[in-house]
Amino acid sequence: MFNNLGGPTLLLILFIVLLLFGAPKLPALAKSLGQSMKILKKEVGGDGEKGDEKPAAESVAADASAQSGSTAPSVEDELAKAKAEAAAARAEAEALRAAAEKRNEDDAKSGS
């Protein structure tokens, strides 16, 4: 299928990609492509590589129980904790956004 791709054809394709995406966006495109390939390789690798390791949820639960000396927290507890942290992060982001807007308004008033 790709046997007919020669030097001039590849250069033309590279030029078209450069025109479509623009030079500033190419590093981000390459990074996302690399991350996608990494995830794909990890998923295709399957359970053979994961057999030696504990899944992430089990290792977190084991670490928590080892530190606290009690049983591992349930999935519902972890989910509730994550939701609370997400809500706190959203509230902080909104506060920062409001402060930035206020600062921009103050700058606009003092500038005019």
PDB file of N, CA and C in Angstrom:
ATOM      1  N   MET A   1       0.821  -1.187   0.000  1.00  0.00           N
ATOM      2  CA  MET A   1       0.000   0.000   0.000  1.00  0.00           C
ATOM      3  C   MET A   1       0.867   1.254   0.000  1.00  0.00           C
ATOM      4  N   PHE A   2       1.902   1.270   0.853  1.00  0.00           N
ATOM      5  CA  PHE A   2       2.757   2.439   0.926  1.00  0.00           C
ATOM      6  C   PHE A   2       4.050   2.255   0.142  1.00  0.00           C
ATOM      7  N   ASN A   3       4.093   1.288  -0.737  1.00  0.00           N
ATOM      8  CA  ASN A   3       5.320   1.018  -1.489  1.00  0.00           C
ATOM      9  C   ASN A   3       5.644   2.126  -2.469  1.00  0.00           C
ATOM     10  N   ASN A   4       4.643   2.856  -2.944  1.00  0.00           N
ATOM     11  CA  ASN A   4       4.865   3.887  -3.953  1.00  0.00           C
ATOM     12  C   ASN A   4       5.235   5.239  -3.360  1.00  0.00           C
ATOM     13  N   LEU A   5       5.342   5.326  -2.036  1.00  0.00           N
ATOM     14  CA  LEU A   5       5.701   6.599  -1.425  1.00  0.00           C
ATOM     15  C   LEU A   5       7.205   6.807  -1.532  1.00  0.00           C
ATOM     16  N   GLY A   6       7.576   7.824  -2.267  1.00  0.00           N
ATOM     17  CA  GLY A   6       8.983   8.149  -2.416  1.00  0.00           C
ATOM     18  C   GLY A   6       9.299   9.453  -1.712  1.00  0.00           C
ATOM     19  N   GLY A   7      10.496   9.946  -1.921  1.00  0.00           N
ATOM     20  CA  GLY A   7      10.934  11.182  -1.301  1.00  0.00           C
ATOM     21  C   GLY A   7      10.067  12.375  -1.645  1.00  0.00           C
ATOM     22  N   PRO A   8       9.809  12.637  -2.935  1.00  0.00           N
ATOM     23  CA  PRO A   8       8.985  13.804  -3.280  1.00  0.00           C
ATOM     24  C   PRO A   8       7.554  13.708  -2.732  1.00  0.00           C
ATOM     25  N   THR A   9       7.003  12.510  -2.733  1.00  0.00           N
ATOM     26  CA  THR A   9       5.638  12.336  -2.220  1.00  0.00           C
ATOM     27  C   THR A   9       5.591  12.606  -0.723  1.00  0.00           C
ATOM     28  N   LEU A  10       6.567  12.108   0.010  1.00  0.00           N
ATOM     29  CA  LEU A  10       6.611  12.342   1.446  1.00  0.00           C
ATOM     30  C   LEU A  10       6.812  13.820   1.768  1.00  0.00           C
ATOM     31  N   LEU A  11       7.639  14.490   0.980  1.00  0.00           N
ATOM     32  CA  LEU A  11       7.823  15.926   1.195  1.00  0.00           C
ATOM     33  C   LEU A  11       6.539  16.700   0.938  1.00  0.00           C
ATOM     34  N   LEU A  12       5.792  16.309  -0.086  1.00  0.00           N
ATOM     35  CA  LEU A  12       4.522  16.957  -0.382  1.00  0.00           C
ATOM     36  C   LEU A  12       3.529  16.732   0.756  1.00  0.00           C
ATOM     37  N   ILE A  13       3.473  15.514   1.279  1.00  0.00           N
ATOM     38  CA  ILE A  13       2.576  15.218   2.395  1.00  0.00           C
ATOM     39  C   ILE A  13       2.985  16.032   3.621  1.00  0.00           C
ATOM     40  N   LEU A  14       4.270  16.118   3.906  1.00  0.00           N
ATOM     41  CA  LEU A  14       4.754  16.905   5.035  1.00  0.00           C
ATOM     42  C   LEU A  14       4.399  18.380   4.865  1.00  0.00           C
ATOM     43  N   PHE A  15       4.520  18.895   3.657  1.00  0.00           N
ATOM     44  CA  PHE A  15       4.171  20.290   3.384  1.00  0.00           C
ATOM     45  C   PHE A  15       2.677  20.534   3.603  1.00  0.00           C
ATOM     46  N   ILE A  16       1.841  19.603   3.177  1.00  0.00           N
ATOM     47  CA  ILE A  16       0.392  19.745   3.361  1.00  0.00           C
ATOM     48  C   ILE A  16       0.039  19.705   4.846  1.00  0.00           C
ATOM     49  N   VAL A  17       0.665  18.800   5.592  1.00  0.00           N
ATOM     50  CA  VAL A  17       0.422  18.722   7.037  1.00  0.00           C
ATOM     51  C   VAL A  17       0.855  20.021   7.699  1.00  0.00           C
ATOM     52  N   LEU A  18       1.975  20.560   7.296  1.00  0.00           N
ATOM     53  CA  LEU A  18       2.455  21.825   7.850  1.00  0.00           C
ATOM     54  C   LEU A  18       1.476  22.951   7.554  1.00  0.00           C
ATOM     55  N   LEU A  19       0.912  22.973   6.359  1.00  0.00           N
ATOM     56  CA  LEU A  19      -0.071  23.997   6.016  1.00  0.00           C
ATOM     57  C   LEU A  19      -1.368  23.830   6.805  1.00  0.00           C
ATOM     58  N   LEU A  20      -1.789  22.587   6.985  1.00  0.00           N
ATOM     59  CA  LEU A  20      -3.051  22.347   7.693  1.00  0.00           C
ATOM     60  C   LEU A  20      -2.967  22.675   9.173  1.00  0.00           C
ATOM     61  N   PHE A  21      -1.913  22.224   9.816  1.00  0.00           N
ATOM     62  CA  PHE A  21      -1.825  22.361  11.258  1.00  0.00           C
ATOM     63  C   PHE A  21      -1.036  23.585  11.710  1.00  0.00           C
ATOM     64  N   GLY A  22      -0.170  24.086  10.892  1.00  0.00           N
ATOM     65  CA  GLY A  22       0.644  25.224  11.273  1.00  0.00           C
ATOM     66  C   GLY A  22       1.837  24.786  12.101  1.00  0.00           C
ATOM     67  N   ALA A  23       2.916  25.513  11.987  1.00  0.00           N
ATOM     68  CA  ALA A  23       4.150  25.146  12.686  1.00  0.00           C
ATOM     69  C   ALA A  23       4.011  25.166  14.210  1.00  0.00           C
ATOM     70  N   PRO A  24       3.312  26.124  14.809  1.00  0.00           N
ATOM     71  CA  PRO A  24       3.222  26.127  16.279  1.00  0.00           C
ATOM     72  C   PRO A  24       2.465  24.930  16.857  1.00  0.00           C
ATOM     73  N   LYS A  25       1.531  24.365  16.101  1.00  0.00           N
ATOM     74  CA  LYS A  25       0.720  23.271  16.629  1.00  0.00           C
ATOM     75  C   LYS A  25       1.361  21.907  16.421  1.00  0.00           C
ATOM     76  N   LEU A  26       2.384  21.801  15.618  1.00  0.00           N
ATOM     77  CA  LEU A  26       2.993  20.500  15.331  1.00  0.00           C
ATOM     78  C   LEU A  26       3.610  19.831  16.560  1.00  0.00           C
ATOM     79  N   PRO A  27       4.310  20.539  17.456  1.00  0.00           N
ATOM     80  CA  PRO A  27       4.830  19.849  18.641  1.00  0.00           C
ATOM     81  C   PRO A  27       3.722  19.262  19.518  1.00  0.00           C
ATOM     82  N   ALA A  28       2.628  19.992  19.680  1.00  0.00           N
ATOM     83  CA  ALA A  28       1.513  19.464  20.466  1.00  0.00           C
ATOM     84  C   ALA A  28       0.886  18.257  19.777  1.00  0.00           C
ATOM     85  N   LEU A  29       0.810  18.305  18.457  1.00  0.00           N
ATOM     86  CA  LEU A  29       0.272  17.182  17.697  1.00  0.00           C
ATOM     87  C   LEU A  29       1.167  15.956  17.855  1.00  0.00           C
ATOM     88  N   ALA A  30       2.469  16.155  17.779  1.00  0.00           N
ATOM     89  CA  ALA A  30       3.399  15.043  17.936  1.00  0.00           C
ATOM     90  C   ALA A  30       3.343  14.477  19.351  1.00  0.00           C
ATOM     91  N   LYS A  31       3.204  15.345  20.345  1.00  0.00           N
ATOM     92  CA  LYS A  31       3.114  14.889  21.732  1.00  0.00           C
ATOM     93  C   LYS A  31       1.870  14.049  21.947  1.00  0.00           C
ATOM     94  N   SER A  32       0.730  14.529  21.443  1.00  0.00           N
ATOM     95  CA  SER A  32      -0.510  13.774  21.617  1.00  0.00           C
ATOM     96  C   SER A  32      -0.463  12.454  20.858  1.00  0.00           C
ATOM     97  N   LEU A  33       0.173  12.441  19.706  1.00  0.00           N
ATOM     98  CA  LEU A  33       0.331  11.195  18.954  1.00  0.00           C
ATOM     99  C   LEU A  33       1.206  10.220  19.725  1.00  0.00           C
ATOM    100  N   GLY A  34       2.272  10.710  20.320  1.00  0.00           N
ATOM    101  CA  GLY A  34       3.150   9.855  21.116  1.00  0.00           C
ATOM    102  C   GLY A  34       2.444   9.289  22.337  1.00  0.00           C
ATOM    103  N   GLN A  35       1.640  10.120  23.008  1.00  0.00           N
ATOM    104  CA  GLN A  35       0.886   9.644  24.167  1.00  0.00           C
ATOM    105  C   GLN A  35      -0.134   8.592  23.744  1.00  0.00           C
ATOM    106  N   SER A  36      -0.781   8.819  22.603  1.00  0.00           N
ATOM    107  CA  SER A  36      -1.750   7.843  22.115  1.00  0.00           C
ATOM    108  C   SER A  36      -1.086   6.514  21.803  1.00  0.00           C
ATOM    109  N   MET A  37       0.084   6.565  21.188  1.00  0.00           N
ATOM    110  CA  MET A  37       0.813   5.332  20.877  1.00  0.00           C
ATOM    111  C   MET A  37       1.234   4.611  22.156  1.00  0.00           C
ATOM    112  N   LYS A  38       1.649   5.379  23.158  1.00  0.00           N
ATOM    113  CA  LYS A  38       2.060   4.796  24.436  1.00  0.00           C
ATOM    114  C   LYS A  38       0.892   4.074  25.104  1.00  0.00           C
ATOM    115  N   ILE A  39      -0.278   4.716  25.096  1.00  0.00           N
ATOM    116  CA  ILE A  39      -1.469   4.110  25.681  1.00  0.00           C
ATOM    117  C   ILE A  39      -1.865   2.867  24.904  1.00  0.00           C
ATOM    118  N   LEU A  40      -1.806   2.959  23.578  1.00  0.00           N
ATOM    119  CA  LEU A  40      -2.155   1.813  22.747  1.00  0.00           C
ATOM    120  C   LEU A  40      -1.230   0.632  23.020  1.00  0.00           C
ATOM    121  N   LYS A  41       0.071   0.881  23.088  1.00  0.00           N
ATOM    122  CA  LYS A  41       1.015  -0.195  23.372  1.00  0.00           C
ATOM    123  C   LYS A  41       0.749  -0.809  24.741  1.00  0.00           C
ATOM    124  N   LYS A  42       0.420   0.033  25.711  1.00  0.00           N
ATOM    125  CA  LYS A  42       0.141  -0.452  27.062  1.00  0.00           C
ATOM    126  C   LYS A  42      -1.104  -1.329  27.077  1.00  0.00           C
ATOM    127  N   GLU A  43      -2.134  -0.918  26.357  1.00  0.00           N
ATOM    128  CA  GLU A  43      -3.378  -1.687  26.317  1.00  0.00           C
ATOM    129  C   GLU A  43      -3.209  -2.975  25.516  1.00  0.00           C
ATOM    130  N   VAL A  44      -2.472  -2.912  24.425  1.00  0.00           N
ATOM    131  CA  VAL A  44      -2.266  -4.106  23.610  1.00  0.00           C
ATOM    132  C   VAL A  44      -1.383  -5.097  24.344  1.00  0.00           C
ATOM    133  N   GLY A  45      -0.428  -4.585  25.145  1.00  0.00           N
ATOM    134  CA  GLY A  45       0.443  -5.454  25.925  1.00  0.00           C
ATOM    135  C   GLY A  45      -0.366  -6.370  26.823  1.00  0.00           C
ATOM    136  N   GLY A  46      -1.494  -5.891  27.287  1.00  0.00           N
ATOM    137  CA  GLY A  46      -2.431  -6.717  28.023  1.00  0.00           C
ATOM    138  C   GLY A  46      -1.993  -7.074  29.421  1.00  0.00           C
ATOM    139  N   ASP A  47      -2.502  -8.206  29.881  1.00  0.00           N
ATOM    140  CA  ASP A  47      -2.323  -8.629  31.256  1.00  0.00           C
ATOM    141  C   ASP A  47      -0.950  -9.239  31.517  1.00  0.00           C
ATOM    142  N   GLY A  48      -0.198  -9.554  30.493  1.00  0.00           N
ATOM    143  CA  GLY A  48       1.114 -10.161  30.692  1.00  0.00           C
ATOM    144  C   GLY A  48       2.040  -9.276  31.493  1.00  0.00           C
ATOM    145  N   GLU A  49       2.028  -7.970  31.217  1.00  0.00           N
ATOM    146  CA  GLU A  49       2.887  -7.045  31.948  1.00  0.00           C
ATOM    147  C   GLU A  49       2.291  -6.686  33.297  1.00  0.00           C
ATOM    148  N   LYS A  50       0.982  -6.714  33.404  1.00  0.00           N
ATOM    149  CA  LYS A  50       0.321  -6.304  34.630  1.00  0.00           C
ATOM    150  C   LYS A  50       0.280  -7.428  35.659  1.00  0.00           C
ATOM    151  N   GLY A  51       0.639  -8.627  35.283  1.00  0.00           N
ATOM    152  CA  GLY A  51       0.552  -9.759  36.190  1.00  0.00           C
ATOM    153  C   GLY A  51       1.445  -9.613  37.404  1.00  0.00           C
ATOM    154  N   ASP A  52       2.586  -8.963  37.250  1.00  0.00           N
ATOM    155  CA  ASP A  52       3.521  -8.796  38.354  1.00  0.00           C
ATOM    156  C   ASP A  52       3.122  -7.658  39.275  1.00  0.00           C
ATOM    157  N   GLU A  53       2.400  -6.691  38.747  1.00  0.00           N
ATOM    158  CA  GLU A  53       2.061  -5.507  39.509  1.00  0.00           C
ATOM    159  C   GLU A  53       0.649  -5.617  40.068  1.00  0.00           C
ATOM    160  N   LYS A  54       0.422  -4.893  41.163  1.00  0.00           N
ATOM    161  CA  LYS A  54      -0.930  -4.785  41.693  1.00  0.00           C
ATOM    162  C   LYS A  54      -1.633  -3.688  40.919  1.00  0.00           C
ATOM    163  N   PRO A  55      -2.924  -3.811  40.695  1.00  0.00           N
ATOM    164  CA  PRO A  55      -3.643  -2.700  40.077  1.00  0.00           C
ATOM    165  C   PRO A  55      -3.553  -1.461  40.964  1.00  0.00           C
ATOM    166  N   ALA A  56      -3.722  -0.306  40.359  1.00  0.00           N
ATOM    167  CA  ALA A  56      -3.543   0.958  41.075  1.00  0.00           C
ATOM    168  C   ALA A  56      -4.491   1.080  42.261  1.00  0.00           C
ATOM    169  N   ALA A  57      -5.736   0.679  42.097  1.00  0.00           N
ATOM    170  CA  ALA A  57      -6.698   0.799  43.193  1.00  0.00           C
ATOM    171  C   ALA A  57      -6.287  -0.075  44.370  1.00  0.00           C
ATOM    172  N   GLU A  58      -5.794  -1.264  44.095  1.00  0.00           N
ATOM    173  CA  GLU A  58      -5.370  -2.153  45.178  1.00  0.00           C
ATOM    174  C   GLU A  58      -4.149  -1.593  45.897  1.00  0.00           C
ATOM    175  N   SER A  59      -3.203  -1.032  45.146  1.00  0.00           N
ATOM    176  CA  SER A  59      -2.009  -0.498  45.795  1.00  0.00           C
ATOM    177  C   SER A  59      -2.334   0.718  46.647  1.00  0.00           C
ATOM    178  N   VAL A  60      -3.267   1.563  46.190  1.00  0.00           N
ATOM    179  CA  VAL A  60      -3.681   2.722  46.979  1.00  0.00           C
ATOM    180  C   VAL A  60      -4.366   2.254  48.255  1.00  0.00           C
ATOM    181  N   ALA A  61      -5.243   1.263  48.130  1.00  0.00           N
ATOM    182  CA  ALA A  61      -5.944   0.753  49.300  1.00  0.00           C
ATOM    183  C   ALA A  61      -4.967   0.104  50.270  1.00  0.00           C
ATOM    184  N   ALA A  62      -3.997  -0.630  49.759  1.00  0.00           N
ATOM    185  CA  ALA A  62      -3.017  -1.279  50.621  1.00  0.00           C
ATOM    186  C   ALA A  62      -2.159  -0.240  51.339  1.00  0.00           C
ATOM    187  N   ASP A  63      -1.768   0.813  50.641  1.00  0.00           N
ATOM    188  CA  ASP A  63      -0.979   1.874  51.265  1.00  0.00           C
ATOM    189  C   ASP A  63      -1.775   2.580  52.349  1.00  0.00           C
ATOM    190  N   ALA A  64      -3.036   2.846  52.079  1.00  0.00           N
ATOM    191  CA  ALA A  64      -3.878   3.531  53.055  1.00  0.00           C
ATOM    192  C   ALA A  64      -4.082   2.679  54.294  1.00  0.00           C
ATOM    193  N   SER A  65      -4.309   1.388  54.100  1.00  0.00           N
ATOM    194  CA  SER A  65      -4.530   0.531  55.267  1.00  0.00           C
ATOM    195  C   SER A  65      -3.244   0.340  56.053  1.00  0.00           C
ATOM    196  N   ALA A  66      -2.118   0.313  55.380  1.00  0.00           N
ATOM    197  CA  ALA A  66      -0.847   0.165  56.079  1.00  0.00           C
ATOM    198  C   ALA A  66      -0.540   1.401  56.915  1.00  0.00           C
ATOM    199  N   GLN A  67      -0.888   2.578  56.405  1.00  0.00           N
ATOM    200  CA  GLN A  67      -0.611   3.810  57.129  1.00  0.00           C
ATOM    201  C   GLN A  67      -1.569   4.016  58.290  1.00  0.00           C
ATOM    202  N   SER A  68      -2.837   3.689  58.088  1.00  0.00           N
ATOM    203  CA  SER A  68      -3.821   3.973  59.129  1.00  0.00           C
ATOM    204  C   SER A  68      -3.994   2.819  60.091  1.00  0.00           C
ATOM    205  N   GLY A  69      -3.580   1.631  59.693  1.00  0.00           N
ATOM    206  CA  GLY A  69      -3.726   0.472  60.550  1.00  0.00           C
ATOM    207  C   GLY A  69      -5.134  -0.086  60.541  1.00  0.00           C
ATOM    208  N   SER A  70      -6.004   0.422  59.678  1.00  0.00           N
ATOM    209  CA  SER A  70      -7.374  -0.072  59.605  1.00  0.00           C
ATOM    210  C   SER A  70      -7.593  -0.711  58.246  1.00  0.00           C
ATOM    211  N   THR A  71      -8.831  -1.118  58.006  1.00  0.00           N
ATOM    212  CA  THR A  71      -9.150  -1.725  56.722  1.00  0.00           C
ATOM    213  C   THR A  71      -9.110  -0.672  55.630  1.00  0.00           C
ATOM    214  N   ALA A  72      -9.002  -1.131  54.406  1.00  0.00           N
ATOM    215  CA  ALA A  72      -8.915  -0.225  53.266  1.00  0.00           C
ATOM    216  C   ALA A  72     -10.255   0.481  53.061  1.00  0.00           C
ATOM    217  N   PRO A  73     -10.222   1.761  52.641  1.00  0.00           N
ATOM    218  CA  PRO A  73     -11.467   2.471  52.383  1.00  0.00           C
ATOM    219  C   PRO A  73     -12.195   1.861  51.189  1.00  0.00           C
ATOM    220  N   SER A  74     -13.484   1.942  51.222  1.00  0.00           N
ATOM    221  CA  SER A  74     -14.269   1.367  50.136  1.00  0.00           C
ATOM    222  C   SER A  74     -14.200   2.270  48.910  1.00  0.00           C
ATOM    223  N   VAL A  75     -14.658   1.728  47.813  1.00  0.00           N
ATOM    224  CA  VAL A  75     -14.664   2.479  46.560  1.00  0.00           C
ATOM    225  C   VAL A  75     -15.581   3.693  46.687  1.00  0.00           C
ATOM    226  N   GLU A  76     -16.690   3.522  47.398  1.00  0.00           N
ATOM    227  CA  GLU A  76     -17.625   4.639  47.568  1.00  0.00           C
ATOM    228  C   GLU A  76     -16.970   5.773  48.350  1.00  0.00           C
ATOM    229  N   ASP A  77     -16.173   5.425  49.373  1.00  0.00           N
ATOM    230  CA  ASP A  77     -15.476   6.453  50.139  1.00  0.00           C
ATOM    231  C   ASP A  77     -14.475   7.200  49.268  1.00  0.00           C
ATOM    232  N   GLU A  78     -13.749   6.445  48.458  1.00  0.00           N
ATOM    233  CA  GLU A  78     -12.773   7.069  47.555  1.00  0.00           C
ATOM    234  C   GLU A  78     -13.469   7.972  46.550  1.00  0.00           C
ATOM    235  N   LEU A  79     -14.626   7.510  46.029  1.00  0.00           N
ATOM    236  CA  LEU A  79     -15.373   8.309  45.068  1.00  0.00           C
ATOM    237  C   LEU A  79     -15.894   9.591  45.710  1.00  0.00           C
ATOM    238  N   ALA A  80     -16.406   9.474  46.911  1.00  0.00           N
ATOM    239  CA  ALA A  80     -16.895  10.661  47.612  1.00  0.00           C
ATOM    240  C   ALA A  80     -15.765  11.646  47.877  1.00  0.00           C
ATOM    241  N   LYS A  81     -14.605  11.124  48.251  1.00  0.00           N
ATOM    242  CA  LYS A  81     -13.449  11.988  48.497  1.00  0.00           C
ATOM    243  C   LYS A  81     -13.017  12.695  47.208  1.00  0.00           C
ATOM    244  N   ALA A  82     -13.000  11.959  46.098  1.00  0.00           N
ATOM    245  CA  ALA A  82     -12.613  12.548  44.816  1.00  0.00           C
ATOM    246  C   ALA A  82     -13.605  13.614  44.386  1.00  0.00           C
ATOM    247  N   LYS A  83     -14.903  13.352  44.603  1.00  0.00           N
ATOM    248  CA  LYS A  83     -15.912  14.348  44.243  1.00  0.00           C
ATOM    249  C   LYS A  83     -15.763  15.612  45.091  1.00  0.00           C
ATOM    250  N   ALA A  84     -15.471  15.443  46.369  1.00  0.00           N
ATOM    251  CA  ALA A  84     -15.278  16.602  47.239  1.00  0.00           C
ATOM    252  C   ALA A  84     -14.059  17.413  46.806  1.00  0.00           C
ATOM    253  N   GLU A  85     -12.988  16.719  46.453  1.00  0.00           N
ATOM    254  CA  GLU A  85     -11.788  17.412  45.987  1.00  0.00           C
ATOM    255  C   GLU A  85     -12.052  18.141  44.677  1.00  0.00           C
ATOM    256  N   ALA A  86     -12.826  17.520  43.786  1.00  0.00           N
ATOM    257  CA  ALA A  86     -13.158  18.164  42.515  1.00  0.00           C
ATOM    258  C   ALA A  86     -14.007  19.401  42.741  1.00  0.00           C
ATOM    259  N   ALA A  87     -14.963  19.321  43.666  1.00  0.00           N
ATOM    260  CA  ALA A  87     -15.802  20.482  43.963  1.00  0.00           C
ATOM    261  C   ALA A  87     -14.968  21.613  44.556  1.00  0.00           C
ATOM    262  N   ALA A  88     -14.026  21.268  45.431  1.00  0.00           N
ATOM    263  CA  ALA A  88     -13.156  22.287  46.011  1.00  0.00           C
ATOM    264  C   ALA A  88     -12.274  22.925  44.939  1.00  0.00           C
ATOM    265  N   ALA A  89     -11.790  22.118  44.022  1.00  0.00           N
ATOM    266  CA  ALA A  89     -10.959  22.646  42.939  1.00  0.00           C
ATOM    267  C   ALA A  89     -11.771  23.568  42.037  1.00  0.00           C
ATOM    268  N   ARG A  90     -13.031  23.177  41.742  1.00  0.00           N
ATOM    269  CA  ARG A  90     -13.894  24.037  40.933  1.00  0.00           C
ATOM    270  C   ARG A  90     -14.148  25.369  41.631  1.00  0.00           C
ATOM    271  N   ALA A  91     -14.411  25.313  42.934  1.00  0.00           N
ATOM    272  CA  ALA A  91     -14.666  26.542  43.686  1.00  0.00           C
ATOM    273  C   ALA A  91     -13.434  27.448  43.681  1.00  0.00           C
ATOM    274  N   GLU A  92     -12.266  26.845  43.843  1.00  0.00           N
ATOM    275  CA  GLU A  92     -11.032  27.637  43.816  1.00  0.00           C
ATOM    276  C   GLU A  92     -10.805  28.256  42.444  1.00  0.00           C
ATOM    277  N   ALA A  93     -11.093  27.484  41.394  1.00  0.00           N
ATOM    278  CA  ALA A  93     -10.929  28.005  40.036  1.00  0.00           C
ATOM    279  C   ALA A  93     -11.885  29.165  39.788  1.00  0.00           C
ATOM    280  N   GLU A  94     -13.121  29.042  40.258  1.00  0.00           N
ATOM    281  CA  GLU A  94     -14.086  30.125  40.099  1.00  0.00           C
ATOM    282  C   GLU A  94     -13.641  31.375  40.852  1.00  0.00           C
ATOM    283  N   ALA A  95     -13.097  31.188  42.056  1.00  0.00           N
ATOM    284  CA  ALA A  95     -12.616  32.327  42.832  1.00  0.00           C
ATOM    285  C   ALA A  95     -11.453  33.018  42.115  1.00  0.00           C
ATOM    286  N   LEU A  96     -10.548  32.227  41.575  1.00  0.00           N
ATOM    287  CA  LEU A  96      -9.422  32.801  40.835  1.00  0.00           C
ATOM    288  C   LEU A  96      -9.896  33.518  39.578  1.00  0.00           C
ATOM    289  N   ARG A  97     -10.877  32.916  38.890  1.00  0.00           N
ATOM    290  CA  ARG A  97     -11.416  33.536  37.681  1.00  0.00           C
ATOM    291  C   ARG A  97     -12.085  34.864  38.029  1.00  0.00           C
ATOM    292  N   ALA A  98     -12.847  34.912  39.123  1.00  0.00           N
ATOM    293  CA  ALA A  98     -13.511  36.147  39.537  1.00  0.00           C
ATOM    294  C   ALA A  98     -12.485  37.207  39.916  1.00  0.00           C
ATOM    295  N   ALA A  99     -11.419  36.799  40.613  1.00  0.00           N
ATOM    296  CA  ALA A  99     -10.378  37.755  40.989  1.00  0.00           C
ATOM    297  C   ALA A  99      -9.682  38.315  39.749  1.00  0.00           C
ATOM    298  N   ALA A 100      -9.449  37.465  38.764  1.00  0.00           N
ATOM    299  CA  ALA A 100      -8.799  37.928  37.536  1.00  0.00           C
ATOM    300  C   ALA A 100      -9.695  38.891  36.775  1.00  0.00           C
ATOM    301  N   GLU A 101     -10.998  38.592  36.716  1.00  0.00           N
ATOM    302  CA  GLU A 101     -11.927  39.496  36.042  1.00  0.00           C
ATOM    303  C   GLU A 101     -11.995  40.840  36.754  1.00  0.00           C
ATOM    304  N   LYS A 102     -12.010  40.815  38.087  1.00  0.00           N
ATOM    305  CA  LYS A 102     -12.044  42.061  38.858  1.00  0.00           C
ATOM    306  C   LYS A 102     -10.784  42.876  38.610  1.00  0.00           C
ATOM    307  N   ARG A 103      -9.638  42.180  38.572  1.00  0.00           N
ATOM    308  CA  ARG A 103      -8.376  42.870  38.317  1.00  0.00           C
ATOM    309  C   ARG A 103      -8.379  43.483  36.922  1.00  0.00           C
ATOM    310  N   ASN A 104      -8.920  42.751  35.938  1.00  0.00           N
ATOM    311  CA  ASN A 104      -8.996  43.289  34.576  1.00  0.00           C
ATOM    312  C   ASN A 104      -9.913  44.494  34.507  1.00  0.00           C
ATOM    313  N   GLU A 105     -11.029  44.444  35.237  1.00  0.00           N
ATOM    314  CA  GLU A 105     -11.939  45.594  35.267  1.00  0.00           C
ATOM    315  C   GLU A 105     -11.272  46.792  35.922  1.00  0.00           C
ATOM    316  N   ASP A 106     -10.541  46.561  37.010  1.00  0.00           N
ATOM    317  CA  ASP A 106      -9.844  47.656  37.684  1.00  0.00           C
ATOM    318  C   ASP A 106      -8.769  48.257  36.780  1.00  0.00           C
ATOM    319  N   ASP A 107      -8.070  47.392  36.050  1.00  0.00           N
ATOM    320  CA  ASP A 107      -7.047  47.879  35.126  1.00  0.00           C
ATOM    321  C   ASP A 107      -7.690  48.682  34.003  1.00  0.00           C
ATOM    322  N   ALA A 108      -8.859  48.236  33.517  1.00  0.00           N
ATOM    323  CA  ALA A 108      -9.525  48.958  32.441  1.00  0.00           C
ATOM    324  C   ALA A 108     -10.003  50.320  32.936  1.00  0.00           C
ATOM    325  N   LYS A 109     -10.510  50.391  34.171  1.00  0.00           N
ATOM    326  CA  LYS A 109     -10.982  51.659  34.709  1.00  0.00           C
ATOM    327  C   LYS A 109      -9.839  52.627  34.927  1.00  0.00           C
ATOM    328  N   SER A 110      -8.714  52.119  35.434  1.00  0.00           N
ATOM    329  CA  SER A 110      -7.586  53.004  35.701  1.00  0.00           C
ATOM    330  C   SER A 110      -6.891  53.411  34.398  1.00  0.00           C
ATOM    331  N   GLY A 111      -6.988  52.576  33.372  1.00  0.00           N
ATOM    332  CA  GLY A 111      -6.346  52.893  32.101  1.00  0.00           C
ATOM    333  C   GLY A 111      -7.107  53.886  31.254  1.00  0.00           C
ATOM    334  N   SER A 112      -8.427  53.982  31.443  1.00  0.00           N
ATOM    335  CA  SER A 112      -9.200  54.888  30.594  1.00  0.00           C
ATOM    336  C   SER A 112      -9.497  56.208  31.227  1.00  0.00           C
TER     337      SER A 112
END
